[in-house]
Amino acid sequence: MAEHVYFISMGVLFGTILAIFGLKYISAAYQARARMAGDDAYRALAQKSAETQSEAATALTAIKGELTDIKLRLTAVEKILKAVE
């Protein structure tokens, strides 16, 4: 076998091995970036959900206060109507 054919064969063999490991590294790096972006999206979604829940709790408290006020007024109106009868 000629010397240049031997070196070309060895170069192709080792080049293939290096290419496979290089592609695996690139794939792992791409997956890590995608996973990090997904985690950031979930974190932002959780934060937005917590803020919305807090706003809903505040609104619910305000509604309860108004409902209590309406009940008190209704009781007063009922007393007046009973007194009129």
C-alpha atoms as a PDB file:
ATOM      1  CA  MET A   1       0.000   0.000   0.000  1.00  0.00           C
ATOM      2  CA  ALA A   2       1.296   3.438  -0.873  1.00  0.00           C
ATOM      3  CA  GLU A   3       2.262   5.764   1.914  1.00  0.00           C
ATOM      4  CA  HIS A   4      -0.087   8.584   0.865  1.00  0.00           C
ATOM      5  CA  VAL A   5      -3.065   6.199   0.697  1.00  0.00           C
ATOM      6  CA  TYR A   6      -2.290   5.035   4.227  1.00  0.00           C
ATOM      7  CA  PHE A   7      -2.183   8.610   5.554  1.00  0.00           C
ATOM      8  CA  ILE A   8      -5.389   9.516   3.730  1.00  0.00           C
ATOM      9  CA  SER A   9      -7.145   6.447   5.195  1.00  0.00           C
ATOM     10  CA  MET A  10      -5.952   7.262   8.712  1.00  0.00           C
ATOM     11  CA  GLY A  11      -6.928  10.912   8.241  1.00  0.00           C
ATOM     12  CA  VAL A  12     -10.449   9.945   7.165  1.00  0.00           C
ATOM     13  CA  LEU A  13     -10.763   7.534  10.105  1.00  0.00           C
ATOM     14  CA  PHE A  14      -9.622  10.044  12.719  1.00  0.00           C
ATOM     15  CA  GLY A  15     -11.485  12.886  10.991  1.00  0.00           C
ATOM     16  CA  THR A  16     -14.705  10.888  11.224  1.00  0.00           C
ATOM     17  CA  ILE A  17     -14.155  10.247  14.920  1.00  0.00           C
ATOM     18  CA  LEU A  18     -13.435  13.939  15.552  1.00  0.00           C
ATOM     19  CA  ALA A  19     -16.467  14.978  13.507  1.00  0.00           C
ATOM     20  CA  ILE A  20     -18.745  12.657  15.518  1.00  0.00           C
ATOM     21  CA  PHE A  21     -17.497  14.017  18.847  1.00  0.00           C
ATOM     22  CA  GLY A  22     -17.731  17.572  17.549  1.00  0.00           C
ATOM     23  CA  LEU A  23     -21.325  17.087  16.450  1.00  0.00           C
ATOM     24  CA  LYS A  24     -22.201  15.516  19.804  1.00  0.00           C
ATOM     25  CA  TYR A  25     -20.698  18.541  21.571  1.00  0.00           C
ATOM     26  CA  ILE A  26     -22.593  20.983  19.360  1.00  0.00           C
ATOM     27  CA  SER A  27     -25.820  19.030  19.922  1.00  0.00           C
ATOM     28  CA  ALA A  28     -25.334  19.052  23.698  1.00  0.00           C
ATOM     29  CA  ALA A  29     -24.647  22.798  23.685  1.00  0.00           C
ATOM     30  CA  TYR A  30     -27.750  23.468  21.567  1.00  0.00           C
ATOM     31  CA  GLN A  31     -29.912  21.330  23.875  1.00  0.00           C
ATOM     32  CA  ALA A  32     -28.563  23.139  26.949  1.00  0.00           C
ATOM     33  CA  ARG A  33     -29.404  26.528  25.412  1.00  0.00           C
ATOM     34  CA  ALA A  34     -32.888  25.338  24.488  1.00  0.00           C
ATOM     35  CA  ARG A  35     -33.437  23.927  27.984  1.00  0.00           C
ATOM     36  CA  MET A  36     -32.270  27.186  29.560  1.00  0.00           C
ATOM     37  CA  ALA A  37     -34.629  29.203  27.360  1.00  0.00           C
ATOM     38  CA  GLY A  38     -37.482  26.874  28.324  1.00  0.00           C
ATOM     39  CA  ASP A  39     -36.648  27.230  32.008  1.00  0.00           C
ATOM     40  CA  ASP A  40     -36.638  31.022  31.680  1.00  0.00           C
ATOM     41  CA  ALA A  41     -40.033  30.887  29.976  1.00  0.00           C
ATOM     42  CA  TYR A  42     -41.453  28.723  32.782  1.00  0.00           C
ATOM     43  CA  ARG A  43     -39.974  31.056  35.387  1.00  0.00           C
ATOM     44  CA  ALA A  44     -41.572  34.089  33.702  1.00  0.00           C
ATOM     45  CA  LEU A  45     -44.886  32.243  33.454  1.00  0.00           C
ATOM     46  CA  ALA A  46     -44.764  31.333  37.153  1.00  0.00           C
ATOM     47  CA  GLN A  47     -44.001  34.936  38.104  1.00  0.00           C
ATOM     48  CA  LYS A  48     -46.855  36.238  35.955  1.00  0.00           C
ATOM     49  CA  SER A  49     -49.163  33.637  37.468  1.00  0.00           C
ATOM     50  CA  ALA A  50     -48.215  34.705  40.995  1.00  0.00           C
ATOM     51  CA  GLU A  51     -48.828  38.367  40.150  1.00  0.00           C
ATOM     52  CA  THR A  52     -52.210  37.563  38.618  1.00  0.00           C
ATOM     53  CA  GLN A  53     -53.158  35.487  41.654  1.00  0.00           C
ATOM     54  CA  SER A  54     -52.216  38.377  43.938  1.00  0.00           C
ATOM     55  CA  GLU A  55     -54.312  40.792  41.887  1.00  0.00           C
ATOM     56  CA  ALA A  56     -57.244  38.369  41.962  1.00  0.00           C
ATOM     57  CA  ALA A  57     -56.974  38.059  45.752  1.00  0.00           C
ATOM     58  CA  THR A  58     -56.981  41.846  46.086  1.00  0.00           C
ATOM     59  CA  ALA A  59     -60.033  42.134  43.843  1.00  0.00           C
ATOM     60  CA  LEU A  60     -61.792  39.373  45.793  1.00  0.00           C
ATOM     61  CA  THR A  61     -61.150  41.196  49.056  1.00  0.00           C
ATOM     62  CA  ALA A  62     -62.622  44.388  47.587  1.00  0.00           C
ATOM     63  CA  ILE A  63     -65.675  42.491  46.328  1.00  0.00           C
ATOM     64  CA  LYS A  64     -66.197  40.912  49.757  1.00  0.00           C
ATOM     65  CA  GLY A  65     -66.095  44.357  51.371  1.00  0.00           C
ATOM     66  CA  GLU A  66     -68.661  45.696  48.923  1.00  0.00           C
ATOM     67  CA  LEU A  67     -70.866  42.646  49.454  1.00  0.00           C
ATOM     68  CA  THR A  68     -70.763  43.168  53.203  1.00  0.00           C
ATOM     69  CA  ASP A  69     -71.766  46.796  52.685  1.00  0.00           C
ATOM     70  CA  ILE A  70     -74.673  45.728  50.439  1.00  0.00           C
ATOM     71  CA  LYS A  71     -75.837  43.198  53.051  1.00  0.00           C
ATOM     72  CA  LEU A  72     -75.832  45.879  55.727  1.00  0.00           C
ATOM     73  CA  ARG A  73     -77.853  48.225  53.532  1.00  0.00           C
ATOM     74  CA  LEU A  74     -80.308  45.465  52.630  1.00  0.00           C
ATOM     75  CA  THR A  75     -80.795  44.691  56.302  1.00  0.00           C
ATOM     76  CA  ALA A  76     -81.498  48.358  56.974  1.00  0.00           C
ATOM     77  CA  VAL A  77     -84.017  48.490  54.095  1.00  0.00           C
ATOM     78  CA  GLU A  78     -85.743  45.334  55.407  1.00  0.00           C
ATOM     79  CA  LYS A  79     -86.063  46.922  58.873  1.00  0.00           C
ATOM     80  CA  ILE A  80     -87.575  50.047  57.373  1.00  0.00           C
ATOM     81  CA  LEU A  81     -90.047  48.006  55.291  1.00  0.00           C
ATOM     82  CA  LYS A  82     -91.067  45.940  58.322  1.00  0.00           C
ATOM     83  CA  ALA A  83     -91.575  49.116  60.307  1.00  0.00           C
ATOM     84  CA  VAL A  84     -93.799  50.534  57.547  1.00  0.00           C
ATOM     85  CA  GLU A  85     -96.026  47.445  57.479  1.00  0.00           C
END
